[in-house]
Amino acid sequence: RECGAVMLVGHNEEKTIRVAKEVSQEASKCPPQTAKLAWSAIDIRNLSAVRSTVLLTVQHFGHLNIAVNSAGYAAPGLQIGDPSFPETFTDSMPMEINVRGTLNMMNAQLRYWIATDTPGVMVNIASIAGHEAYAAPPDYITSKWAMIGFSKQAALQYAHSGIRINVVAPGAVKTPMLPQSPQIDAITEA
């Protein structure tokens, strides 16, 4: 809507194409020389795919100014007292996507800004579960606490380079990923 250049990165090619078409309709209202849109569908756990997507963004638009890292994974999971919890915790999807994937994206974006000596803005989407008691699986809770922690650390580390890093920690947002339960429905409708 603001006629910017956007690289849309999703994990599912079909969904990413559908969203790109929706965004293109909005972009068609902009002057032709301003709005640009490209897309890529990758698994952010794959570091080479992440690096290629950042390079593709720069090749397509000439630069990377703002990065919004909003990939996330939430699902019912094991509790700390469950028998196989210790063996599965670190390899769970919330830890893989929310921690490893976000770190991969941050690393590639920061490497670009540092290598080109350019300022940048990064916004990481965490969750209220990262700083409040919340009845979600411990791998999800841990992943969101980790996101807030490593985002704060990176913000301090790279501030002198003109790179601003922020975290948004929303509450429950009614999306298809949100587990359906009467409690969640009551929260999202309030």
N, C-alpha and C. Protein backbone atom coordinates (compact mmCIF):
# COMPACT_ATOMS: atom_id res chain seq x y z
N ARG A 1 0.81 -1.21 0.00
CA ARG A 1 0.00 0.00 0.00
C ARG A 1 0.85 1.26 0.00
N GLU A 2 2.09 1.15 0.45
CA GLU A 2 2.96 2.31 0.48
C GLU A 2 3.92 2.32 -0.69
N CYS A 3 3.66 1.46 -1.66
CA CYS A 3 4.41 1.44 -2.92
C CYS A 3 5.89 1.13 -2.73
N GLY A 4 6.18 0.21 -1.84
CA GLY A 4 7.56 -0.20 -1.62
C GLY A 4 7.92 -1.41 -2.45
N ALA A 5 9.18 -1.76 -2.41
CA ALA A 5 9.67 -2.97 -3.06
C ALA A 5 9.68 -4.07 -2.01
N VAL A 6 9.02 -5.19 -2.29
CA VAL A 6 8.84 -6.24 -1.30
C VAL A 6 9.27 -7.60 -1.86
N MET A 7 10.11 -8.28 -1.10
CA MET A 7 10.42 -9.69 -1.37
C MET A 7 9.61 -10.49 -0.36
N LEU A 8 8.65 -11.21 -0.85
CA LEU A 8 7.78 -12.04 -0.02
C LEU A 8 8.41 -13.42 0.07
N VAL A 9 8.71 -13.87 1.28
CA VAL A 9 9.34 -15.18 1.47
C VAL A 9 8.39 -16.04 2.28
N GLY A 10 8.00 -17.15 1.71
CA GLY A 10 7.12 -18.09 2.39
C GLY A 10 7.74 -19.47 2.41
N HIS A 11 7.07 -20.39 3.08
CA HIS A 11 7.59 -21.76 3.15
C HIS A 11 6.87 -22.70 2.19
N ASN A 12 5.71 -22.29 1.72
CA ASN A 12 4.89 -23.11 0.84
C ASN A 12 4.70 -22.36 -0.47
N GLU A 13 5.15 -22.94 -1.57
CA GLU A 13 5.12 -22.23 -2.85
C GLU A 13 3.70 -21.82 -3.25
N GLU A 14 2.75 -22.72 -3.11
CA GLU A 14 1.37 -22.41 -3.51
C GLU A 14 0.80 -21.23 -2.72
N LYS A 15 0.98 -21.26 -1.40
CA LYS A 15 0.49 -20.16 -0.56
C LYS A 15 1.23 -18.86 -0.86
N THR A 16 2.53 -18.96 -1.09
CA THR A 16 3.33 -17.76 -1.36
C THR A 16 2.89 -17.11 -2.66
N ILE A 17 2.63 -17.92 -3.67
CA ILE A 17 2.14 -17.38 -4.95
C ILE A 17 0.79 -16.71 -4.76
N ARG A 18 -0.10 -17.35 -3.99
CA ARG A 18 -1.43 -16.77 -3.75
C ARG A 18 -1.32 -15.41 -3.06
N VAL A 19 -0.47 -15.32 -2.05
CA VAL A 19 -0.29 -14.05 -1.34
C VAL A 19 0.35 -13.02 -2.27
N ALA A 20 1.32 -13.44 -3.06
CA ALA A 20 1.97 -12.53 -4.01
C ALA A 20 0.94 -11.93 -4.98
N LYS A 21 0.00 -12.75 -5.43
CA LYS A 21 -1.05 -12.24 -6.33
C LYS A 21 -1.93 -11.21 -5.61
N GLU A 22 -2.26 -11.47 -4.35
CA GLU A 22 -3.06 -10.52 -3.57
C GLU A 22 -2.31 -9.21 -3.38
N VAL A 23 -1.03 -9.30 -3.04
CA VAL A 23 -0.23 -8.10 -2.84
C VAL A 23 -0.04 -7.35 -4.16
N SER A 24 0.09 -8.08 -5.26
CA SER A 24 0.24 -7.46 -6.58
C SER A 24 -0.96 -6.60 -6.93
N GLN A 25 -2.14 -7.02 -6.52
CA GLN A 25 -3.34 -6.22 -6.77
C GLN A 25 -3.25 -4.87 -6.08
N GLU A 26 -2.74 -4.85 -4.85
CA GLU A 26 -2.54 -3.59 -4.14
C GLU A 26 -1.46 -2.76 -4.83
N ALA A 27 -0.38 -3.44 -5.23
CA ALA A 27 0.74 -2.73 -5.85
C ALA A 27 0.36 -2.13 -7.19
N SER A 28 -0.65 -2.68 -7.84
CA SER A 28 -1.06 -2.15 -9.14
C SER A 28 -1.61 -0.72 -9.03
N LYS A 29 -1.94 -0.29 -7.81
CA LYS A 29 -2.44 1.06 -7.59
C LYS A 29 -1.30 2.08 -7.47
N CYS A 30 -0.07 1.60 -7.42
CA CYS A 30 1.11 2.47 -7.24
C CYS A 30 1.66 2.90 -8.60
N PRO A 31 2.40 4.01 -8.61
CA PRO A 31 3.08 4.39 -9.85
C PRO A 31 4.00 3.25 -10.30
N PRO A 32 4.09 2.97 -11.59
CA PRO A 32 4.85 1.81 -12.08
C PRO A 32 6.31 1.76 -11.64
N GLN A 33 6.95 2.88 -11.48
CA GLN A 33 8.37 2.89 -11.14
C GLN A 33 8.63 2.66 -9.65
N THR A 34 7.58 2.63 -8.81
CA THR A 34 7.82 2.51 -7.37
C THR A 34 7.59 1.09 -6.85
N ALA A 35 6.41 0.56 -6.98
CA ALA A 35 6.08 -0.72 -6.38
C ALA A 35 6.70 -1.88 -7.16
N LYS A 36 7.37 -2.75 -6.43
CA LYS A 36 7.95 -3.94 -7.01
C LYS A 36 7.66 -5.09 -6.06
N LEU A 37 7.47 -6.27 -6.63
CA LEU A 37 7.19 -7.43 -5.80
C LEU A 37 7.88 -8.65 -6.39
N ALA A 38 8.53 -9.41 -5.55
CA ALA A 38 9.11 -10.69 -5.92
C ALA A 38 8.80 -11.66 -4.79
N TRP A 39 8.94 -12.93 -5.05
CA TRP A 39 8.66 -13.91 -4.01
C TRP A 39 9.64 -15.07 -4.10
N SER A 40 9.75 -15.77 -2.97
CA SER A 40 10.59 -16.95 -2.87
C SER A 40 9.96 -17.88 -1.85
N ALA A 41 9.97 -19.17 -2.11
CA ALA A 41 9.45 -20.15 -1.15
C ALA A 41 10.62 -21.05 -0.74
N ILE A 42 10.98 -20.98 0.55
CA ILE A 42 12.13 -21.73 1.05
C ILE A 42 11.84 -22.32 2.42
N ASP A 43 12.70 -23.22 2.83
CA ASP A 43 12.72 -23.74 4.19
C ASP A 43 13.81 -22.94 4.91
N ILE A 44 13.43 -22.11 5.86
CA ILE A 44 14.42 -21.24 6.50
C ILE A 44 15.40 -22.00 7.38
N ARG A 45 15.20 -23.29 7.56
CA ARG A 45 16.20 -24.10 8.26
C ARG A 45 17.39 -24.40 7.35
N ASN A 46 17.20 -24.21 6.06
CA ASN A 46 18.24 -24.47 5.07
C ASN A 46 19.06 -23.20 4.85
N LEU A 47 20.26 -23.16 5.42
CA LEU A 47 21.07 -21.95 5.39
C LEU A 47 21.41 -21.50 3.97
N SER A 48 21.71 -22.43 3.08
CA SER A 48 22.05 -22.02 1.71
C SER A 48 20.84 -21.42 1.00
N ALA A 49 19.64 -21.94 1.26
CA ALA A 49 18.42 -21.35 0.67
C ALA A 49 18.18 -19.95 1.22
N VAL A 50 18.43 -19.76 2.51
CA VAL A 50 18.28 -18.45 3.13
C VAL A 50 19.25 -17.45 2.51
N ARG A 51 20.51 -17.84 2.41
CA ARG A 51 21.51 -16.94 1.82
C ARG A 51 21.18 -16.62 0.37
N SER A 52 20.72 -17.61 -0.38
CA SER A 52 20.33 -17.37 -1.78
C SER A 52 19.17 -16.40 -1.89
N THR A 53 18.23 -16.49 -0.96
CA THR A 53 17.07 -15.60 -0.99
C THR A 53 17.47 -14.16 -0.68
N VAL A 54 18.39 -13.97 0.26
CA VAL A 54 18.87 -12.61 0.55
C VAL A 54 19.59 -12.07 -0.68
N LEU A 55 20.43 -12.89 -1.32
CA LEU A 55 21.11 -12.45 -2.55
C LEU A 55 20.11 -12.15 -3.66
N LEU A 56 19.08 -12.98 -3.79
CA LEU A 56 18.04 -12.75 -4.79
C LEU A 56 17.33 -11.42 -4.54
N THR A 57 17.07 -11.13 -3.28
CA THR A 57 16.44 -9.86 -2.92
C THR A 57 17.29 -8.68 -3.38
N VAL A 58 18.58 -8.74 -3.08
CA VAL A 58 19.49 -7.66 -3.45
C VAL A 58 19.63 -7.57 -4.96
N GLN A 59 19.70 -8.69 -5.65
CA GLN A 59 19.78 -8.68 -7.11
C GLN A 59 18.52 -8.07 -7.73
N HIS A 60 17.37 -8.41 -7.15
CA HIS A 60 16.10 -7.95 -7.70
C HIS A 60 15.86 -6.46 -7.44
N PHE A 61 16.19 -6.00 -6.23
CA PHE A 61 15.86 -4.63 -5.84
C PHE A 61 17.07 -3.70 -5.69
N GLY A 62 18.26 -4.27 -5.67
CA GLY A 62 19.46 -3.46 -5.54
C GLY A 62 19.93 -3.26 -4.11
N HIS A 63 19.11 -3.61 -3.14
CA HIS A 63 19.47 -3.41 -1.73
C HIS A 63 18.47 -4.14 -0.84
N LEU A 64 18.77 -4.16 0.44
CA LEU A 64 17.88 -4.69 1.47
C LEU A 64 17.85 -3.64 2.57
N ASN A 65 16.71 -3.02 2.78
CA ASN A 65 16.59 -1.97 3.80
C ASN A 65 15.96 -2.48 5.09
N ILE A 66 14.87 -3.22 4.94
CA ILE A 66 14.10 -3.67 6.10
C ILE A 66 13.85 -5.17 5.96
N ALA A 67 14.04 -5.90 7.05
CA ALA A 67 13.76 -7.33 7.08
C ALA A 67 12.77 -7.61 8.20
N VAL A 68 11.70 -8.30 7.87
CA VAL A 68 10.73 -8.72 8.88
C VAL A 68 10.78 -10.24 8.92
N ASN A 69 11.23 -10.77 10.04
CA ASN A 69 11.34 -12.21 10.22
C ASN A 69 10.14 -12.69 11.01
N SER A 70 9.16 -13.24 10.28
CA SER A 70 7.90 -13.59 10.93
C SER A 70 7.55 -15.07 10.83
N ALA A 71 8.46 -15.90 10.34
CA ALA A 71 8.16 -17.33 10.28
C ALA A 71 7.98 -17.85 11.70
N GLY A 72 7.09 -18.78 11.85
CA GLY A 72 6.88 -19.34 13.17
C GLY A 72 6.18 -20.68 13.07
N TYR A 73 6.30 -21.45 14.13
CA TYR A 73 5.67 -22.76 14.18
C TYR A 73 5.15 -22.98 15.59
N ALA A 74 3.89 -23.37 15.67
CA ALA A 74 3.28 -23.71 16.96
C ALA A 74 2.34 -24.89 16.75
N ALA A 75 2.38 -25.81 17.66
CA ALA A 75 1.50 -26.98 17.60
C ALA A 75 1.49 -27.62 18.98
N PRO A 76 0.49 -28.43 19.25
CA PRO A 76 0.53 -29.15 20.53
C PRO A 76 1.81 -29.97 20.59
N GLY A 77 2.42 -30.01 21.76
CA GLY A 77 3.68 -30.73 21.88
C GLY A 77 3.81 -31.42 23.22
N LEU A 78 4.95 -32.03 23.38
CA LEU A 78 5.22 -32.76 24.62
C LEU A 78 5.46 -31.79 25.78
N GLN A 79 5.16 -32.24 26.96
CA GLN A 79 5.43 -31.49 28.17
C GLN A 79 6.72 -32.00 28.80
N ILE A 80 7.32 -31.21 29.66
CA ILE A 80 8.61 -31.54 30.25
C ILE A 80 8.59 -32.90 30.96
N GLY A 81 7.50 -33.27 31.56
CA GLY A 81 7.40 -34.55 32.28
C GLY A 81 7.09 -35.74 31.40
N ASP A 82 6.85 -35.54 30.11
CA ASP A 82 6.54 -36.66 29.21
C ASP A 82 7.79 -37.52 28.97
N PRO A 83 7.61 -38.83 28.78
CA PRO A 83 8.75 -39.75 28.67
C PRO A 83 9.78 -39.39 27.60
N SER A 84 9.39 -39.01 26.40
CA SER A 84 10.38 -38.77 25.34
C SER A 84 10.72 -37.29 25.17
N PHE A 85 10.29 -36.45 26.10
CA PHE A 85 10.56 -35.03 25.98
C PHE A 85 12.05 -34.69 25.84
N PRO A 86 12.94 -35.21 26.69
CA PRO A 86 14.35 -34.81 26.58
C PRO A 86 14.97 -35.15 25.22
N GLU A 87 14.55 -36.26 24.63
CA GLU A 87 15.13 -36.68 23.35
C GLU A 87 14.60 -35.88 22.17
N THR A 88 13.43 -35.29 22.31
CA THR A 88 12.81 -34.61 21.16
C THR A 88 12.83 -33.09 21.23
N PHE A 89 13.12 -32.52 22.39
CA PHE A 89 12.99 -31.08 22.60
C PHE A 89 13.78 -30.24 21.62
N THR A 90 15.08 -30.46 21.53
CA THR A 90 15.91 -29.55 20.72
C THR A 90 15.67 -29.70 19.22
N ASP A 91 15.13 -30.82 18.78
CA ASP A 91 14.85 -31.03 17.36
C ASP A 91 13.39 -30.80 17.01
N SER A 92 12.62 -30.26 17.93
CA SER A 92 11.19 -30.03 17.67
C SER A 92 11.03 -28.92 16.63
N MET A 93 9.90 -28.90 15.96
CA MET A 93 9.66 -27.89 14.93
C MET A 93 9.70 -26.45 15.48
N PRO A 94 9.13 -26.16 16.66
CA PRO A 94 9.27 -24.79 17.16
C PRO A 94 10.72 -24.37 17.35
N MET A 95 11.56 -25.28 17.84
CA MET A 95 12.98 -24.94 18.01
C MET A 95 13.67 -24.81 16.65
N GLU A 96 13.33 -25.67 15.71
CA GLU A 96 13.94 -25.63 14.38
C GLU A 96 13.54 -24.38 13.59
N ILE A 97 12.25 -24.07 13.56
CA ILE A 97 11.76 -22.92 12.78
C ILE A 97 11.98 -21.62 13.53
N ASN A 98 11.47 -21.54 14.75
CA ASN A 98 11.48 -20.27 15.49
C ASN A 98 12.87 -19.84 15.92
N VAL A 99 13.72 -20.80 16.25
CA VAL A 99 15.08 -20.46 16.69
C VAL A 99 16.07 -20.57 15.53
N ARG A 100 16.28 -21.79 15.06
CA ARG A 100 17.29 -21.99 14.01
C ARG A 100 16.96 -21.21 12.74
N GLY A 101 15.71 -21.30 12.29
CA GLY A 101 15.32 -20.59 11.07
C GLY A 101 15.46 -19.08 11.20
N THR A 102 15.00 -18.54 12.32
CA THR A 102 15.12 -17.09 12.53
C THR A 102 16.58 -16.68 12.60
N LEU A 103 17.40 -17.47 13.28
CA LEU A 103 18.83 -17.16 13.35
C LEU A 103 19.48 -17.22 11.96
N ASN A 104 19.07 -18.18 11.14
CA ASN A 104 19.59 -18.24 9.76
C ASN A 104 19.25 -16.97 9.00
N MET A 105 18.00 -16.53 9.10
CA MET A 105 17.57 -15.32 8.39
C MET A 105 18.34 -14.10 8.92
N MET A 106 18.41 -13.97 10.23
CA MET A 106 19.13 -12.83 10.83
C MET A 106 20.58 -12.81 10.37
N ASN A 107 21.22 -13.96 10.39
CA ASN A 107 22.62 -14.04 10.02
C ASN A 107 22.83 -13.57 8.58
N ALA A 108 22.02 -14.05 7.67
CA ALA A 108 22.17 -13.67 6.25
C ALA A 108 21.90 -12.17 6.05
N GLN A 109 20.90 -11.65 6.72
CA GLN A 109 20.58 -10.23 6.60
C GLN A 109 21.69 -9.36 7.20
N LEU A 110 22.14 -9.73 8.38
CA LEU A 110 23.22 -8.98 9.03
C LEU A 110 24.51 -9.04 8.20
N ARG A 111 24.82 -10.21 7.66
CA ARG A 111 26.02 -10.34 6.84
C ARG A 111 25.97 -9.40 5.63
N TYR A 112 24.79 -9.26 5.03
CA TYR A 112 24.65 -8.33 3.90
C TYR A 112 24.91 -6.89 4.35
N TRP A 113 24.27 -6.48 5.44
CA TRP A 113 24.43 -5.10 5.90
C TRP A 113 25.87 -4.81 6.33
N ILE A 114 26.49 -5.75 7.00
CA ILE A 114 27.88 -5.56 7.43
C ILE A 114 28.82 -5.52 6.23
N ALA A 115 28.65 -6.45 5.28
CA ALA A 115 29.53 -6.51 4.11
C ALA A 115 29.42 -5.26 3.23
N THR A 116 28.23 -4.67 3.18
CA THR A 116 28.03 -3.49 2.33
C THR A 116 28.14 -2.19 3.12
N ASP A 117 28.38 -2.30 4.43
CA ASP A 117 28.48 -1.13 5.30
C ASP A 117 27.27 -0.21 5.14
N THR A 118 26.08 -0.84 5.17
CA THR A 118 24.84 -0.07 5.05
C THR A 118 23.98 -0.28 6.29
N PRO A 119 23.19 0.72 6.64
CA PRO A 119 22.28 0.56 7.77
C PRO A 119 21.11 -0.35 7.37
N GLY A 120 20.43 -0.86 8.35
CA GLY A 120 19.27 -1.69 8.09
C GLY A 120 18.35 -1.72 9.29
N VAL A 121 17.14 -2.20 9.05
CA VAL A 121 16.15 -2.35 10.11
C VAL A 121 15.64 -3.78 10.06
N MET A 122 15.61 -4.42 11.21
CA MET A 122 15.11 -5.78 11.32
C MET A 122 14.01 -5.81 12.38
N VAL A 123 12.93 -6.50 12.05
CA VAL A 123 11.84 -6.69 13.00
C VAL A 123 11.60 -8.20 13.10
N ASN A 124 11.78 -8.75 14.28
CA ASN A 124 11.52 -10.16 14.52
C ASN A 124 10.20 -10.32 15.24
N ILE A 125 9.37 -11.22 14.75
CA ILE A 125 8.05 -11.45 15.36
C ILE A 125 8.17 -12.62 16.32
N ALA A 126 8.09 -12.32 17.60
CA ALA A 126 8.16 -13.36 18.65
C ALA A 126 6.72 -13.62 19.13
N SER A 127 6.50 -13.55 20.41
CA SER A 127 5.18 -13.83 20.97
C SER A 127 5.15 -13.36 22.41
N ILE A 128 3.96 -13.06 22.88
CA ILE A 128 3.80 -12.75 24.30
C ILE A 128 4.28 -13.93 25.15
N ALA A 129 4.24 -15.12 24.56
CA ALA A 129 4.71 -16.32 25.26
C ALA A 129 6.20 -16.25 25.56
N GLY A 130 6.90 -15.32 24.94
CA GLY A 130 8.32 -15.16 25.20
C GLY A 130 8.65 -14.33 26.43
N HIS A 131 7.64 -13.75 27.06
CA HIS A 131 7.93 -13.00 28.28
C HIS A 131 6.83 -13.07 29.32
N GLU A 132 5.81 -13.85 29.09
CA GLU A 132 4.73 -14.02 30.06
C GLU A 132 4.47 -15.51 30.27
N ALA A 133 3.98 -15.88 31.43
CA ALA A 133 3.57 -17.26 31.66
C ALA A 133 2.41 -17.55 30.73
N TYR A 134 2.48 -18.67 30.05
CA TYR A 134 1.51 -18.99 29.02
C TYR A 134 1.42 -20.50 28.91
N ALA A 135 0.22 -21.03 28.81
CA ALA A 135 0.04 -22.49 28.81
C ALA A 135 0.21 -23.07 27.41
N ALA A 136 1.41 -23.00 26.90
CA ALA A 136 1.73 -23.59 25.61
C ALA A 136 2.83 -24.62 25.82
N PRO A 137 3.10 -25.45 24.82
CA PRO A 137 4.18 -26.44 24.98
C PRO A 137 5.52 -25.75 25.27
N PRO A 138 6.37 -26.40 26.07
CA PRO A 138 7.63 -25.77 26.47
C PRO A 138 8.59 -25.48 25.32
N ASP A 139 8.52 -26.26 24.22
CA ASP A 139 9.42 -25.95 23.10
C ASP A 139 9.02 -24.64 22.44
N TYR A 140 7.71 -24.37 22.34
CA TYR A 140 7.25 -23.10 21.78
C TYR A 140 7.63 -21.93 22.69
N ILE A 141 7.36 -22.09 23.98
CA ILE A 141 7.70 -21.05 24.96
C ILE A 141 9.20 -20.75 24.91
N THR A 142 10.02 -21.79 24.94
CA THR A 142 11.46 -21.62 24.91
C THR A 142 11.91 -20.92 23.64
N SER A 143 11.32 -21.30 22.51
CA SER A 143 11.72 -20.70 21.24
C SER A 143 11.42 -19.21 21.22
N LYS A 144 10.32 -18.80 21.80
CA LYS A 144 9.97 -17.37 21.80
C LYS A 144 10.80 -16.59 22.80
N TRP A 145 11.13 -17.18 23.95
CA TRP A 145 12.06 -16.54 24.88
C TRP A 145 13.41 -16.37 24.20
N ALA A 146 13.84 -17.41 23.49
CA ALA A 146 15.13 -17.34 22.79
C ALA A 146 15.12 -16.23 21.75
N MET A 147 14.06 -16.12 20.97
CA MET A 147 13.98 -15.07 19.95
C MET A 147 14.13 -13.68 20.56
N ILE A 148 13.44 -13.45 21.65
CA ILE A 148 13.54 -12.15 22.29
C ILE A 148 14.97 -11.93 22.80
N GLY A 149 15.56 -12.96 23.39
CA GLY A 149 16.92 -12.83 23.91
C GLY A 149 17.95 -12.58 22.83
N PHE A 150 17.96 -13.38 21.76
CA PHE A 150 18.99 -13.16 20.75
C PHE A 150 18.73 -11.93 19.92
N SER A 151 17.49 -11.49 19.84
CA SER A 151 17.21 -10.22 19.16
C SER A 151 17.76 -9.04 19.96
N LYS A 152 17.59 -9.09 21.28
CA LYS A 152 18.14 -8.03 22.14
C LYS A 152 19.66 -8.00 22.04
N GLN A 153 20.28 -9.18 22.07
CA GLN A 153 21.73 -9.25 21.99
C GLN A 153 22.22 -8.67 20.67
N ALA A 154 21.58 -9.06 19.57
CA ALA A 154 21.99 -8.56 18.25
C ALA A 154 21.75 -7.05 18.14
N ALA A 155 20.68 -6.57 18.74
CA ALA A 155 20.40 -5.12 18.70
C ALA A 155 21.55 -4.35 19.35
N LEU A 156 22.03 -4.84 20.47
CA LEU A 156 23.16 -4.18 21.14
C LEU A 156 24.45 -4.34 20.34
N GLN A 157 24.66 -5.51 19.79
CA GLN A 157 25.89 -5.80 19.05
C GLN A 157 26.04 -4.95 17.79
N TYR A 158 24.93 -4.70 17.08
CA TYR A 158 25.03 -4.05 15.77
C TYR A 158 24.49 -2.62 15.72
N ALA A 159 24.10 -2.08 16.86
CA ALA A 159 23.60 -0.70 16.88
C ALA A 159 24.64 0.28 16.36
N HIS A 160 25.90 0.07 16.70
CA HIS A 160 26.97 0.98 16.26
C HIS A 160 27.15 0.96 14.74
N SER A 161 26.62 -0.05 14.07
CA SER A 161 26.72 -0.15 12.61
C SER A 161 25.51 0.45 11.91
N GLY A 162 24.61 1.06 12.68
CA GLY A 162 23.41 1.64 12.07
C GLY A 162 22.35 0.60 11.76
N ILE A 163 22.43 -0.54 12.42
CA ILE A 163 21.44 -1.61 12.22
C ILE A 163 20.54 -1.63 13.45
N ARG A 164 19.25 -1.40 13.22
CA ARG A 164 18.27 -1.36 14.31
C ARG A 164 17.48 -2.67 14.30
N ILE A 165 17.43 -3.34 15.43
CA ILE A 165 16.73 -4.62 15.55
C ILE A 165 15.68 -4.50 16.63
N ASN A 166 14.45 -4.84 16.28
CA ASN A 166 13.33 -4.78 17.21
C ASN A 166 12.61 -6.11 17.24
N VAL A 167 11.85 -6.32 18.31
CA VAL A 167 11.04 -7.52 18.44
C VAL A 167 9.60 -7.10 18.72
N VAL A 168 8.68 -7.71 18.03
CA VAL A 168 7.26 -7.53 18.31
C VAL A 168 6.79 -8.83 18.95
N ALA A 169 6.08 -8.72 20.05
CA ALA A 169 5.63 -9.91 20.77
C ALA A 169 4.12 -9.87 20.94
N PRO A 170 3.37 -10.21 19.88
CA PRO A 170 1.91 -10.13 19.96
C PRO A 170 1.31 -11.23 20.82
N GLY A 171 0.09 -11.00 21.23
CA GLY A 171 -0.67 -12.04 21.91
C GLY A 171 -1.27 -12.97 20.88
N ALA A 172 -2.28 -13.71 21.27
CA ALA A 172 -2.90 -14.68 20.37
C ALA A 172 -3.50 -13.96 19.15
N VAL A 173 -3.18 -14.45 17.99
CA VAL A 173 -3.72 -13.93 16.74
C VAL A 173 -4.41 -15.09 16.04
N LYS A 174 -5.66 -14.91 15.69
CA LYS A 174 -6.43 -16.01 15.11
C LYS A 174 -5.97 -16.25 13.67
N THR A 175 -5.14 -17.26 13.50
CA THR A 175 -4.66 -17.69 12.19
C THR A 175 -4.87 -19.20 12.11
N PRO A 176 -4.73 -19.78 10.92
CA PRO A 176 -4.88 -21.24 10.83
C PRO A 176 -3.90 -22.02 11.70
N MET A 177 -2.76 -21.42 12.02
CA MET A 177 -1.77 -22.12 12.84
C MET A 177 -2.19 -22.19 14.31
N LEU A 178 -3.00 -21.26 14.76
CA LEU A 178 -3.39 -21.21 16.17
C LEU A 178 -4.24 -22.43 16.52
N PRO A 179 -3.82 -23.21 17.50
CA PRO A 179 -4.63 -24.38 17.89
C PRO A 179 -6.03 -23.93 18.29
N GLN A 180 -7.00 -24.68 17.84
CA GLN A 180 -8.39 -24.33 18.14
C GLN A 180 -8.81 -24.93 19.47
N SER A 181 -9.24 -24.08 20.36
CA SER A 181 -9.78 -24.52 21.64
C SER A 181 -10.71 -23.44 22.14
N PRO A 182 -11.63 -23.78 23.02
CA PRO A 182 -12.54 -22.75 23.55
C PRO A 182 -11.79 -21.60 24.21
N GLN A 183 -10.68 -21.88 24.93
CA GLN A 183 -9.92 -20.82 25.58
C GLN A 183 -9.31 -19.88 24.54
N ILE A 184 -8.72 -20.42 23.49
CA ILE A 184 -8.09 -19.61 22.46
C ILE A 184 -9.16 -18.79 21.73
N ASP A 185 -10.30 -19.41 21.41
CA ASP A 185 -11.38 -18.67 20.75
C ASP A 185 -11.85 -17.50 21.61
N ALA A 186 -11.94 -17.71 22.92
CA ALA A 186 -12.38 -16.63 23.82
C ALA A 186 -11.35 -15.49 23.83
N ILE A 187 -10.07 -15.83 23.81
CA ILE A 187 -9.02 -14.81 23.81
C ILE A 187 -9.06 -14.01 22.53
N THR A 188 -9.17 -14.67 21.38
CA THR A 188 -9.08 -13.98 20.10
C THR A 188 -10.34 -13.19 19.79
N GLU A 189 -11.47 -13.56 20.39
CA GLU A 189 -12.69 -12.80 20.12
C GLU A 189 -12.88 -11.65 21.08
N ALA A 190 -12.10 -11.62 22.15
CA ALA A 190 -12.24 -10.54 23.16
C ALA A 190 -11.76 -9.21 22.62
